[in-house]
Amino acid sequence: MGILKKAGALGVAKLVYDQARKPQNQERIKQAMNRVKDRRDHGRPR
């Protein structure tokens, strides 16, 4: 059972990696990261 779980996790990781390499998805990832950073930093004194 453990082997199947690891194989499934590896398959999902490869899918995420392949999608992240596409240029249009890289831009989406950057935008999402910026939104998270803005939310996290919002309200903190600088």
N, C-alpha and C. Protein backbone atom coordinates (compact mmCIF):
# COMPACT_ATOMS: atom_id res chain seq x y z
N MET A 1 0.82 -1.19 0.00
CA MET A 1 0.00 0.00 0.00
C MET A 1 0.86 1.25 0.00
N GLY A 2 1.98 1.24 0.71
CA GLY A 2 2.87 2.40 0.78
C GLY A 2 3.46 2.76 -0.56
N ILE A 3 3.76 1.74 -1.37
CA ILE A 3 4.33 1.98 -2.69
C ILE A 3 3.33 2.72 -3.58
N LEU A 4 2.07 2.33 -3.51
CA LEU A 4 1.05 2.99 -4.32
C LEU A 4 0.86 4.45 -3.89
N LYS A 5 0.92 4.69 -2.61
CA LYS A 5 0.78 6.06 -2.10
C LYS A 5 1.93 6.93 -2.59
N LYS A 6 3.15 6.39 -2.54
CA LYS A 6 4.32 7.13 -3.01
C LYS A 6 4.25 7.37 -4.51
N ALA A 7 3.81 6.38 -5.26
CA ALA A 7 3.69 6.53 -6.71
C ALA A 7 2.65 7.59 -7.05
N GLY A 8 1.56 7.61 -6.33
CA GLY A 8 0.52 8.62 -6.55
C GLY A 8 1.03 10.01 -6.23
N ALA A 9 1.75 10.14 -5.13
CA ALA A 9 2.31 11.44 -4.75
C ALA A 9 3.32 11.91 -5.78
N LEU A 10 4.13 11.01 -6.29
CA LEU A 10 5.11 11.35 -7.31
C LEU A 10 4.42 11.81 -8.59
N GLY A 11 3.34 11.15 -8.96
CA GLY A 11 2.59 11.53 -10.15
C GLY A 11 2.00 12.93 -10.02
N VAL A 12 1.45 13.24 -8.85
CA VAL A 12 0.89 14.57 -8.61
C VAL A 12 1.99 15.61 -8.63
N ALA A 13 3.14 15.30 -8.01
CA ALA A 13 4.26 16.25 -7.99
C ALA A 13 4.75 16.54 -9.40
N LYS A 14 4.82 15.52 -10.25
CA LYS A 14 5.27 15.72 -11.63
C LYS A 14 4.27 16.59 -12.39
N LEU A 15 2.99 16.37 -12.17
CA LEU A 15 1.97 17.17 -12.84
C LEU A 15 2.09 18.64 -12.43
N VAL A 16 2.26 18.89 -11.14
CA VAL A 16 2.40 20.27 -10.65
C VAL A 16 3.65 20.90 -11.24
N TYR A 17 4.75 20.15 -11.27
CA TYR A 17 6.01 20.66 -11.81
C TYR A 17 5.86 21.00 -13.29
N ASP A 18 5.25 20.12 -14.06
CA ASP A 18 5.07 20.37 -15.49
C ASP A 18 4.19 21.60 -15.74
N GLN A 19 3.14 21.76 -14.95
CA GLN A 19 2.26 22.92 -15.12
C GLN A 19 2.97 24.21 -14.73
N ALA A 20 3.82 24.15 -13.72
CA ALA A 20 4.52 25.35 -13.24
C ALA A 20 5.56 25.83 -14.25
N ARG A 21 5.99 24.98 -15.13
CA ARG A 21 7.01 25.36 -16.12
C ARG A 21 6.41 26.15 -17.28
N LYS A 22 5.11 26.10 -17.47
CA LYS A 22 4.49 26.81 -18.59
C LYS A 22 4.50 28.30 -18.31
N PRO A 23 4.87 29.13 -19.32
CA PRO A 23 5.00 30.58 -19.10
C PRO A 23 3.73 31.24 -18.58
N GLN A 24 2.57 30.87 -19.11
CA GLN A 24 1.33 31.52 -18.66
C GLN A 24 1.05 31.17 -17.20
N ASN A 25 1.41 29.98 -16.79
CA ASN A 25 1.21 29.59 -15.40
C ASN A 25 2.24 30.23 -14.49
N GLN A 26 3.45 30.48 -14.99
CA GLN A 26 4.46 31.17 -14.20
C GLN A 26 3.98 32.57 -13.83
N GLU A 27 3.34 33.25 -14.77
CA GLU A 27 2.81 34.59 -14.50
C GLU A 27 1.70 34.52 -13.45
N ARG A 28 0.84 33.53 -13.55
CA ARG A 28 -0.22 33.36 -12.55
C ARG A 28 0.35 33.09 -11.17
N ILE A 29 1.40 32.27 -11.12
CA ILE A 29 2.03 31.94 -9.84
C ILE A 29 2.64 33.20 -9.22
N LYS A 30 3.31 34.01 -10.05
CA LYS A 30 3.92 35.25 -9.55
C LYS A 30 2.85 36.19 -9.01
N GLN A 31 1.73 36.32 -9.73
CA GLN A 31 0.64 37.19 -9.28
C GLN A 31 0.07 36.69 -7.95
N ALA A 32 -0.12 35.38 -7.85
CA ALA A 32 -0.67 34.82 -6.61
C ALA A 32 0.29 35.03 -5.45
N MET A 33 1.59 34.87 -5.69
CA MET A 33 2.57 35.08 -4.63
C MET A 33 2.57 36.53 -4.18
N ASN A 34 2.44 37.45 -5.12
CA ASN A 34 2.40 38.87 -4.77
C ASN A 34 1.16 39.21 -3.94
N ARG A 35 0.02 38.59 -4.29
CA ARG A 35 -1.21 38.83 -3.51
C ARG A 35 -1.03 38.31 -2.08
N VAL A 36 -0.42 37.15 -1.93
CA VAL A 36 -0.20 36.59 -0.59
C VAL A 36 0.74 37.48 0.20
N LYS A 37 1.80 37.94 -0.44
CA LYS A 37 2.76 38.83 0.25
C LYS A 37 2.08 40.12 0.67
N ASP A 38 1.23 40.67 -0.21
CA ASP A 38 0.53 41.91 0.13
C ASP A 38 -0.40 41.71 1.32
N ARG A 39 -1.11 40.59 1.35
CA ARG A 39 -2.01 40.31 2.47
C ARG A 39 -1.22 40.12 3.76
N ARG A 40 -0.10 39.42 3.65
CA ARG A 40 0.71 39.14 4.82
C ARG A 40 1.33 40.42 5.38
N ASP A 41 1.79 41.29 4.50
CA ASP A 41 2.47 42.51 4.92
C ASP A 41 1.51 43.65 5.22
N HIS A 42 0.26 43.51 4.84
CA HIS A 42 -0.71 44.58 5.06
C HIS A 42 -0.88 44.83 6.55
N GLY A 43 -0.71 46.08 6.92
CA GLY A 43 -0.92 46.43 8.31
C GLY A 43 0.32 46.35 9.19
N ARG A 44 1.39 45.83 8.66
CA ARG A 44 2.62 45.76 9.46
C ARG A 44 3.37 47.09 9.35
N PRO A 45 3.91 47.58 10.42
CA PRO A 45 4.70 48.80 10.33
C PRO A 45 5.99 48.55 9.56
N ARG A 46 6.38 49.56 8.81
CA ARG A 46 7.61 49.39 8.00
C ARG A 46 8.72 50.21 8.54
